[in-house]
C-alpha atoms as a PDB file:
ATOM      1  CA  UNK A   1      20.014 -62.024  28.318  1.00  0.00           C
ATOM      2  CA  UNK A   2      23.282 -63.860  27.836  1.00  0.00           C
ATOM      3  CA  UNK A   3      25.212 -62.704  30.917  1.00  0.00           C
ATOM      4  CA  UNK A   4      28.475 -64.314  29.849  1.00  0.00           C
ATOM      5  CA  UNK A   5      28.452 -62.366  26.583  1.00  0.00           C
ATOM      6  CA  UNK A   6      27.487 -59.154  28.404  1.00  0.00           C
ATOM      7  CA  UNK A   7      30.361 -59.647  30.854  1.00  0.00           C
ATOM      8  CA  UNK A   8      32.778 -60.229  27.972  1.00  0.00           C
ATOM      9  CA  UNK A   9      31.498 -57.021  26.401  1.00  0.00           C
ATOM     10  CA  UNK A  10      32.235 -55.083  29.592  1.00  0.00           C
ATOM     11  CA  UNK A  11      35.703 -56.593  29.854  1.00  0.00           C
ATOM     12  CA  UNK A  12      36.483 -55.560  26.267  1.00  0.00           C
ATOM     13  CA  UNK A  13      35.296 -52.045  27.050  1.00  0.00           C
ATOM     14  CA  UNK A  14      37.881 -51.953  29.846  1.00  0.00           C
ATOM     15  CA  UNK A  15      40.538 -53.344  27.504  1.00  0.00           C
ATOM     16  CA  UNK A  16      39.790 -50.600  24.984  1.00  0.00           C
ATOM     17  CA  UNK A  17      40.211 -47.945  27.669  1.00  0.00           C
ATOM     18  CA  UNK A  18      43.458 -49.466  28.926  1.00  0.00           C
ATOM     19  CA  UNK A  19      44.898 -49.755  25.414  1.00  0.00           C
ATOM     20  CA  UNK A  20      44.165 -46.096  24.768  1.00  0.00           C
ATOM     21  CA  UNK A  21      45.711 -45.054  28.097  1.00  0.00           C
ATOM     22  CA  UNK A  22      48.774 -47.296  27.589  1.00  0.00           C
ATOM     23  CA  UNK A  23      48.194 -49.585  30.561  1.00  0.00           C
ATOM     24  CA  UNK A  24      49.830 -52.494  28.748  1.00  0.00           C
ATOM     25  CA  UNK A  25      50.190 -54.895  31.678  1.00  0.00           C
ATOM     26  CA  UNK A  26      46.456 -54.800  32.413  1.00  0.00           C
ATOM     27  CA  UNK A  27      45.618 -55.253  28.733  1.00  0.00           C
ATOM     28  CA  UNK A  28      47.818 -58.316  28.405  1.00  0.00           C
ATOM     29  CA  UNK A  29      46.511 -59.899  31.618  1.00  0.00           C
ATOM     30  CA  UNK A  30      42.889 -59.225  30.750  1.00  0.00           C
ATOM     31  CA  UNK A  31      43.179 -60.619  27.227  1.00  0.00           C
ATOM     32  CA  UNK A  32      44.520 -63.861  28.717  1.00  0.00           C
ATOM     33  CA  UNK A  33      41.713 -63.782  31.282  1.00  0.00           C
ATOM     34  CA  UNK A  34      39.141 -63.319  28.502  1.00  0.00           C
ATOM     35  CA  UNK A  35      40.481 -66.270  26.525  1.00  0.00           C
ATOM     36  CA  UNK A  36      40.290 -68.510  29.583  1.00  0.00           C
ATOM     37  CA  UNK A  37      36.956 -67.291  30.927  1.00  0.00           C
ATOM     38  CA  UNK A  38      34.936 -66.948  27.730  1.00  0.00           C
ATOM     39  CA  UNK A  39      36.320 -69.837  25.672  1.00  0.00           C
ATOM     40  CA  UNK A  40      32.945 -71.627  25.798  1.00  0.00           C
ATOM     41  CA  UNK A  41      31.166 -68.883  23.835  1.00  0.00           C
ATOM     42  CA  UNK A  42      30.126 -69.421  20.236  1.00  0.00           C
ATOM     43  CA  UNK A  43      32.903 -67.685  18.245  1.00  0.00           C
ATOM     44  CA  UNK A  44      30.470 -66.349  15.601  1.00  0.00           C
ATOM     45  CA  UNK A  45      28.865 -63.160  16.819  1.00  0.00           C
ATOM     46  CA  UNK A  46      27.216 -60.696  14.488  1.00  0.00           C
ATOM     47  CA  UNK A  47      29.378 -59.843  11.498  1.00  0.00           C
ATOM     48  CA  UNK A  48      32.407 -61.581  13.042  1.00  0.00           C
ATOM     49  CA  UNK A  49      32.879 -65.178  11.860  1.00  0.00           C
ATOM     50  CA  UNK A  50      35.335 -65.751  14.709  1.00  0.00           C
ATOM     51  CA  UNK A  51      35.671 -63.329  17.626  1.00  0.00           C
ATOM     52  CA  UNK A  52      38.943 -64.948  18.656  1.00  0.00           C
ATOM     53  CA  UNK A  53      40.533 -63.710  15.417  1.00  0.00           C
ATOM     54  CA  UNK A  54      39.472 -60.211  16.453  1.00  0.00           C
ATOM     55  CA  UNK A  55      40.960 -60.763  19.903  1.00  0.00           C
ATOM     56  CA  UNK A  56      44.218 -61.804  18.194  1.00  0.00           C
ATOM     57  CA  UNK A  57      44.211 -58.520  16.272  1.00  0.00           C
ATOM     58  CA  UNK A  58      43.502 -56.591  19.479  1.00  0.00           C
ATOM     59  CA  UNK A  59      46.395 -58.439  21.168  1.00  0.00           C
ATOM     60  CA  UNK A  60      48.746 -56.784  18.688  1.00  0.00           C
ATOM     61  CA  UNK A  61      47.849 -53.401  20.205  1.00  0.00           C
ATOM     62  CA  UNK A  62      51.411 -52.091  20.468  1.00  0.00           C
ATOM     63  CA  UNK A  63      51.685 -51.696  16.671  1.00  0.00           C
ATOM     64  CA  UNK A  64      48.628 -49.466  16.360  1.00  0.00           C
ATOM     65  CA  UNK A  65      47.126 -48.497  19.689  1.00  0.00           C
ATOM     66  CA  UNK A  66      44.224 -46.434  18.374  1.00  0.00           C
ATOM     67  CA  UNK A  67      43.119 -49.091  15.892  1.00  0.00           C
ATOM     68  CA  UNK A  68      43.260 -51.819  18.563  1.00  0.00           C
ATOM     69  CA  UNK A  69      41.287 -49.680  21.022  1.00  0.00           C
ATOM     70  CA  UNK A  70      38.632 -48.989  18.382  1.00  0.00           C
ATOM     71  CA  UNK A  71      38.497 -52.673  17.423  1.00  0.00           C
ATOM     72  CA  UNK A  72      37.972 -53.675  21.082  1.00  0.00           C
ATOM     73  CA  UNK A  73      35.309 -51.009  21.531  1.00  0.00           C
ATOM     74  CA  UNK A  74      33.444 -52.041  18.370  1.00  0.00           C
ATOM     75  CA  UNK A  75      33.516 -55.728  19.282  1.00  0.00           C
ATOM     76  CA  UNK A  76      32.374 -54.850  22.798  1.00  0.00           C
ATOM     77  CA  UNK A  77      29.320 -52.942  21.598  1.00  0.00           C
ATOM     78  CA  UNK A  78      28.340 -55.653  19.094  1.00  0.00           C
ATOM     79  CA  UNK A  79      28.638 -58.270  21.839  1.00  0.00           C
ATOM     80  CA  UNK A  80      26.416 -56.193  24.102  1.00  0.00           C
ATOM     81  CA  UNK A  81      23.729 -55.986  21.420  1.00  0.00           C
ATOM     82  CA  UNK A  82      23.862 -59.735  20.806  1.00  0.00           C
ATOM     83  CA  UNK A  83      23.875 -60.510  24.531  1.00  0.00           C
ATOM     84  CA  UNK A  84      20.406 -58.977  24.688  1.00  0.00           C
ATOM     85  CA  UNK A  85      19.144 -60.862  21.609  1.00  0.00           C
ATOM     86  CA  UNK A  86      20.434 -64.387  22.136  1.00  0.00           C
ATOM     87  CA  UNK A  87      20.209 -66.849  24.956  1.00  0.00           C
END
């Protein structure tokens, strides 16, 4: 199991929850934390050619909160699946 990818997945699950519940300060801090902590990961995961482009879209959560929360949740679940497949 790729623990780093699994941890990133869990962090994105939290981000999704916080976006939905309008805890903007935590979302912003955690997205910065994710960029710093998980920058060594391969950016291509599953159907996403570059997960950092998805994170950029999630970062724009104030324009469409529900869409950003769903995007974070979807990316989180895909990461969890791939964390169990790849080393």
